[in-house]
Amino acid sequence: MEDKGQVSLEYMTMLGLSLIIFAAVLYISTFLVSTSGVQIDVDTAYRAVQDIKQSADFIYVHGHPSKIPAGVRIPTNVETLSIQDKVVCIRLAVGSSATDIYAVTKANMTASADEDICSGGICGEGYYMLVFNSVDPNDFVLSGYDVNITLDT
């Protein structure tokens, strides 16, 4: 009778160890899945900033009357999008903090696209078509800027 009790205790010990190992694997896989989503958002924001920078630099180099459309993907959790002077910046919420992803262009930019994408403090996730226009140096309203960026509607 004592042998059956010992065997039962050994089975329960093995079952307990198996559950501990399973819980550890489940915890690690859940952690990896949650952090990969954050990494995808950061990478998408980085690519968006670089695409805006490259398009603005292209227009700057080619001069007036250049005009090109460019597609940009804005990720989730974007707090602000700023396109001012020579800086393109996306502030991205990462957990309980935020990170700034930015690029500096050769061109002095003015944009209404950032206000269209992030209206009322809410930045919409999605794919946006931006139009990059070279600014006429003789234009009185936009003087001082090299590139104007608008949202294609």
C-alpha atoms as a PDB file:
ATOM      1  CA  MET A   1       0.000   0.000   0.000  1.00  0.00           C
ATOM      2  CA  GLU A   2       2.886   2.360   0.730  1.00  0.00           C
ATOM      3  CA  ASP A   3       4.263   1.771  -2.796  1.00  0.00           C
ATOM      4  CA  LYS A   4       1.072   3.152  -4.342  1.00  0.00           C
ATOM      5  CA  GLY A   5       1.337   6.300  -2.220  1.00  0.00           C
ATOM      6  CA  GLN A   6       4.953   6.826  -3.280  1.00  0.00           C
ATOM      7  CA  VAL A   7       4.078   6.386  -6.961  1.00  0.00           C
ATOM      8  CA  SER A   8       1.184   8.848  -6.599  1.00  0.00           C
ATOM      9  CA  LEU A   9       3.507  11.401  -4.966  1.00  0.00           C
ATOM     10  CA  GLU A  10       6.059  10.985  -7.780  1.00  0.00           C
ATOM     11  CA  TYR A  11       3.348  11.546 -10.416  1.00  0.00           C
ATOM     12  CA  MET A  12       2.153  14.683  -8.648  1.00  0.00           C
ATOM     13  CA  THR A  13       5.735  15.969  -8.426  1.00  0.00           C
ATOM     14  CA  MET A  14       6.295  15.363 -12.144  1.00  0.00           C
ATOM     15  CA  LEU A  15       2.970  17.023 -12.957  1.00  0.00           C
ATOM     16  CA  GLY A  16       3.887  20.048 -10.806  1.00  0.00           C
ATOM     17  CA  LEU A  17       7.294  20.420 -12.486  1.00  0.00           C
ATOM     18  CA  SER A  18       5.660  20.123 -15.914  1.00  0.00           C
ATOM     19  CA  LEU A  19       3.166  22.863 -15.037  1.00  0.00           C
ATOM     20  CA  ILE A  20       5.970  25.151 -13.812  1.00  0.00           C
ATOM     21  CA  ILE A  21       7.897  24.649 -17.063  1.00  0.00           C
ATOM     22  CA  PHE A  22       4.736  25.222 -19.124  1.00  0.00           C
ATOM     23  CA  ALA A  23       3.938  28.442 -17.221  1.00  0.00           C
ATOM     24  CA  ALA A  24       7.488  29.738 -17.782  1.00  0.00           C
ATOM     25  CA  VAL A  25       7.317  29.048 -21.531  1.00  0.00           C
ATOM     26  CA  LEU A  26       3.881  30.700 -21.715  1.00  0.00           C
ATOM     27  CA  TYR A  27       5.142  33.801 -19.868  1.00  0.00           C
ATOM     28  CA  ILE A  28       8.198  34.160 -22.115  1.00  0.00           C
ATOM     29  CA  SER A  29       6.189  33.733 -25.332  1.00  0.00           C
ATOM     30  CA  THR A  30       3.590  36.304 -24.173  1.00  0.00           C
ATOM     31  CA  PHE A  31       6.364  38.789 -23.367  1.00  0.00           C
ATOM     32  CA  LEU A  32       7.983  38.303 -26.780  1.00  0.00           C
ATOM     33  CA  VAL A  33       4.691  38.756 -28.619  1.00  0.00           C
ATOM     34  CA  SER A  34       3.866  41.988 -26.759  1.00  0.00           C
ATOM     35  CA  THR A  35       7.307  43.536 -27.347  1.00  0.00           C
ATOM     36  CA  SER A  36       7.303  42.623 -31.036  1.00  0.00           C
ATOM     37  CA  GLY A  37       4.220  44.833 -31.547  1.00  0.00           C
ATOM     38  CA  VAL A  38       6.085  47.803 -30.065  1.00  0.00           C
ATOM     39  CA  GLN A  39       9.100  47.101 -32.282  1.00  0.00           C
ATOM     40  CA  ILE A  40       6.879  47.005 -35.375  1.00  0.00           C
ATOM     41  CA  ASP A  41       5.371  50.404 -34.472  1.00  0.00           C
ATOM     42  CA  VAL A  42       8.813  51.954 -33.901  1.00  0.00           C
ATOM     43  CA  ASP A  43      10.099  50.556 -37.200  1.00  0.00           C
ATOM     44  CA  THR A  44       7.019  51.794 -39.080  1.00  0.00           C
ATOM     45  CA  ALA A  45       7.425  55.283 -37.583  1.00  0.00           C
ATOM     46  CA  TYR A  46      11.126  55.294 -38.502  1.00  0.00           C
ATOM     47  CA  ARG A  47      10.302  54.356 -42.101  1.00  0.00           C
ATOM     48  CA  ALA A  48       7.598  57.060 -42.272  1.00  0.00           C
ATOM     49  CA  VAL A  49      10.008  59.749 -41.066  1.00  0.00           C
ATOM     50  CA  GLN A  50      12.699  58.588 -43.498  1.00  0.00           C
ATOM     51  CA  ASP A  51      10.233  58.529 -46.424  1.00  0.00           C
ATOM     52  CA  ILE A  52       9.134  62.107 -45.671  1.00  0.00           C
ATOM     53  CA  LYS A  53      12.771  63.201 -45.347  1.00  0.00           C
ATOM     54  CA  GLN A  54      13.840  61.572 -48.615  1.00  0.00           C
ATOM     55  CA  SER A  55      10.906  63.024 -50.543  1.00  0.00           C
ATOM     56  CA  ALA A  56      11.503  66.539 -49.173  1.00  0.00           C
ATOM     57  CA  ASP A  57      15.224  66.302 -49.983  1.00  0.00           C
ATOM     58  CA  PHE A  58      14.382  65.088 -53.509  1.00  0.00           C
ATOM     59  CA  ILE A  59      12.166  68.132 -54.107  1.00  0.00           C
ATOM     60  CA  TYR A  60      14.778  70.442 -52.591  1.00  0.00           C
ATOM     61  CA  VAL A  61      17.506  69.143 -54.865  1.00  0.00           C
ATOM     62  CA  HIS A  62      15.395  69.300 -58.040  1.00  0.00           C
ATOM     63  CA  GLY A  63      13.988  72.760 -57.292  1.00  0.00           C
ATOM     64  CA  HIS A  64      10.981  74.622 -58.607  1.00  0.00           C
ATOM     65  CA  PRO A  65       8.501  73.455 -60.155  1.00  0.00           C
ATOM     66  CA  SER A  66       9.014  69.892 -58.837  1.00  0.00           C
ATOM     67  CA  LYS A  67       6.080  67.967 -57.415  1.00  0.00           C
ATOM     68  CA  ILE A  68       5.843  64.330 -56.295  1.00  0.00           C
ATOM     69  CA  PRO A  69       3.374  62.184 -54.371  1.00  0.00           C
ATOM     70  CA  ALA A  70       4.659  59.799 -51.700  1.00  0.00           C
ATOM     71  CA  GLY A  71       2.879  57.189 -49.603  1.00  0.00           C
ATOM     72  CA  VAL A  72       3.532  57.115 -45.862  1.00  0.00           C
ATOM     73  CA  ARG A  73       2.279  54.579 -43.321  1.00  0.00           C
ATOM     74  CA  ILE A  74       1.532  56.037 -39.877  1.00  0.00           C
ATOM     75  CA  PRO A  75       1.584  53.384 -37.104  1.00  0.00           C
ATOM     76  CA  THR A  76      -0.627  53.037 -34.046  1.00  0.00           C
ATOM     77  CA  ASN A  77       0.132  54.876 -30.790  1.00  0.00           C
ATOM     78  CA  VAL A  78       1.355  58.075 -32.468  1.00  0.00           C
ATOM     79  CA  GLU A  79       0.949  61.016 -30.093  1.00  0.00           C
ATOM     80  CA  THR A  80       2.130  63.792 -32.431  1.00  0.00           C
ATOM     81  CA  LEU A  81       3.397  64.269 -35.966  1.00  0.00           C
ATOM     82  CA  SER A  82       5.389  67.417 -36.594  1.00  0.00           C
ATOM     83  CA  ILE A  83       6.750  68.693 -39.913  1.00  0.00           C
ATOM     84  CA  GLN A  84       8.331  72.092 -39.293  1.00  0.00           C
ATOM     85  CA  ASP A  85      11.297  73.918 -40.733  1.00  0.00           C
ATOM     86  CA  LYS A  86      13.949  71.225 -41.333  1.00  0.00           C
ATOM     87  CA  VAL A  87      12.714  68.591 -38.848  1.00  0.00           C
ATOM     88  CA  VAL A  88      10.252  65.723 -39.259  1.00  0.00           C
ATOM     89  CA  CYS A  89       9.291  64.197 -35.901  1.00  0.00           C
ATOM     90  CA  ILE A  90       6.910  61.462 -34.771  1.00  0.00           C
ATOM     91  CA  ARG A  91       6.306  61.054 -31.042  1.00  0.00           C
ATOM     92  CA  LEU A  92       5.318  57.462 -30.382  1.00  0.00           C
ATOM     93  CA  ALA A  93       3.801  56.122 -27.152  1.00  0.00           C
ATOM     94  CA  VAL A  94       5.798  53.124 -25.946  1.00  0.00           C
ATOM     95  CA  GLY A  95       4.265  51.626 -22.837  1.00  0.00           C
ATOM     96  CA  SER A  96       3.991  54.341 -20.196  1.00  0.00           C
ATOM     97  CA  SER A  97       6.563  56.601 -21.887  1.00  0.00           C
ATOM     98  CA  ALA A  98       7.128  58.128 -25.319  1.00  0.00           C
ATOM     99  CA  THR A  99       9.949  58.150 -27.831  1.00  0.00           C
ATOM    100  CA  ASP A 100      10.732  60.705 -30.531  1.00  0.00           C
ATOM    101  CA  ILE A 101      11.699  59.495 -33.976  1.00  0.00           C
ATOM    102  CA  TYR A 102      13.004  62.322 -36.121  1.00  0.00           C
ATOM    103  CA  ALA A 103      15.004  63.232 -39.208  1.00  0.00           C
ATOM    104  CA  VAL A 104      16.609  66.474 -40.346  1.00  0.00           C
ATOM    105  CA  THR A 105      16.163  67.490 -43.987  1.00  0.00           C
ATOM    106  CA  LYS A 106      18.068  69.801 -46.298  1.00  0.00           C
ATOM    107  CA  ALA A 107      14.851  71.586 -47.190  1.00  0.00           C
ATOM    108  CA  ASN A 108      13.017  74.141 -45.105  1.00  0.00           C
ATOM    109  CA  MET A 109       9.494  72.687 -45.011  1.00  0.00           C
ATOM    110  CA  THR A 110       5.986  73.909 -44.379  1.00  0.00           C
ATOM    111  CA  ALA A 111       3.126  71.445 -44.076  1.00  0.00           C
ATOM    112  CA  SER A 112      -0.567  71.162 -43.478  1.00  0.00           C
ATOM    113  CA  ALA A 113      -0.434  67.363 -43.730  1.00  0.00           C
ATOM    114  CA  ASP A 114       0.632  66.917 -40.112  1.00  0.00           C
ATOM    115  CA  GLU A 115      -2.463  68.799 -38.923  1.00  0.00           C
ATOM    116  CA  ASP A 116      -4.684  66.778 -41.271  1.00  0.00           C
ATOM    117  CA  ILE A 117      -3.298  63.442 -40.025  1.00  0.00           C
ATOM    118  CA  CYS A 118      -3.273  64.437 -36.335  1.00  0.00           C
ATOM    119  CA  SER A 119      -6.415  66.518 -35.998  1.00  0.00           C
ATOM    120  CA  GLY A 120      -7.691  67.295 -32.520  1.00  0.00           C
ATOM    121  CA  GLY A 121      -4.748  65.575 -30.830  1.00  0.00           C
ATOM    122  CA  ILE A 122      -5.701  62.192 -32.299  1.00  0.00           C
ATOM    123  CA  CYS A 123      -3.354  60.714 -34.877  1.00  0.00           C
ATOM    124  CA  GLY A 124      -5.043  58.230 -37.151  1.00  0.00           C
ATOM    125  CA  GLU A 125      -3.245  55.047 -38.049  1.00  0.00           C
ATOM    126  CA  GLY A 126      -3.145  54.315 -41.750  1.00  0.00           C
ATOM    127  CA  TYR A 127      -1.619  54.864 -45.153  1.00  0.00           C
ATOM    128  CA  TYR A 128      -1.550  58.479 -46.333  1.00  0.00           C
ATOM    129  CA  MET A 129      -0.617  59.981 -49.687  1.00  0.00           C
ATOM    130  CA  LEU A 130       1.398  63.160 -49.242  1.00  0.00           C
ATOM    131  CA  VAL A 131       2.128  65.621 -52.038  1.00  0.00           C
ATOM    132  CA  PHE A 132       5.504  67.361 -51.944  1.00  0.00           C
ATOM    133  CA  ASN A 133       5.632  70.649 -53.886  1.00  0.00           C
ATOM    134  CA  SER A 134       8.565  72.900 -54.511  1.00  0.00           C
ATOM    135  CA  VAL A 135       7.780  76.443 -53.388  1.00  0.00           C
ATOM    136  CA  ASP A 136       8.332  79.240 -55.888  1.00  0.00           C
ATOM    137  CA  PRO A 137      11.071  81.475 -54.445  1.00  0.00           C
ATOM    138  CA  ASN A 138       9.047  84.503 -55.578  1.00  0.00           C
ATOM    139  CA  ASP A 139       5.874  83.384 -53.730  1.00  0.00           C
ATOM    140  CA  PHE A 140       5.115  85.998 -51.074  1.00  0.00           C
ATOM    141  CA  VAL A 141       2.885  83.810 -48.853  1.00  0.00           C
ATOM    142  CA  LEU A 142       5.298  80.886 -48.482  1.00  0.00           C
ATOM    143  CA  SER A 143       8.585  82.765 -48.782  1.00  0.00           C
ATOM    144  CA  GLY A 144      11.357  81.299 -46.711  1.00  0.00           C
ATOM    145  CA  TYR A 145      10.268  77.710 -47.361  1.00  0.00           C
ATOM    146  CA  ASP A 146      11.601  75.302 -49.970  1.00  0.00           C
ATOM    147  CA  VAL A 147       9.013  72.493 -49.799  1.00  0.00           C
ATOM    148  CA  ASN A 148       5.278  72.489 -49.096  1.00  0.00           C
ATOM    149  CA  ILE A 149       3.711  69.175 -47.965  1.00  0.00           C
ATOM    150  CA  THR A 150      -0.023  68.582 -48.240  1.00  0.00           C
ATOM    151  CA  LEU A 151      -2.307  65.586 -47.796  1.00  0.00           C
ATOM    152  CA  ASP A 152      -3.657  64.224 -51.086  1.00  0.00           C
ATOM    153  CA  THR A 153      -7.434  63.997 -50.853  1.00  0.00           C
END
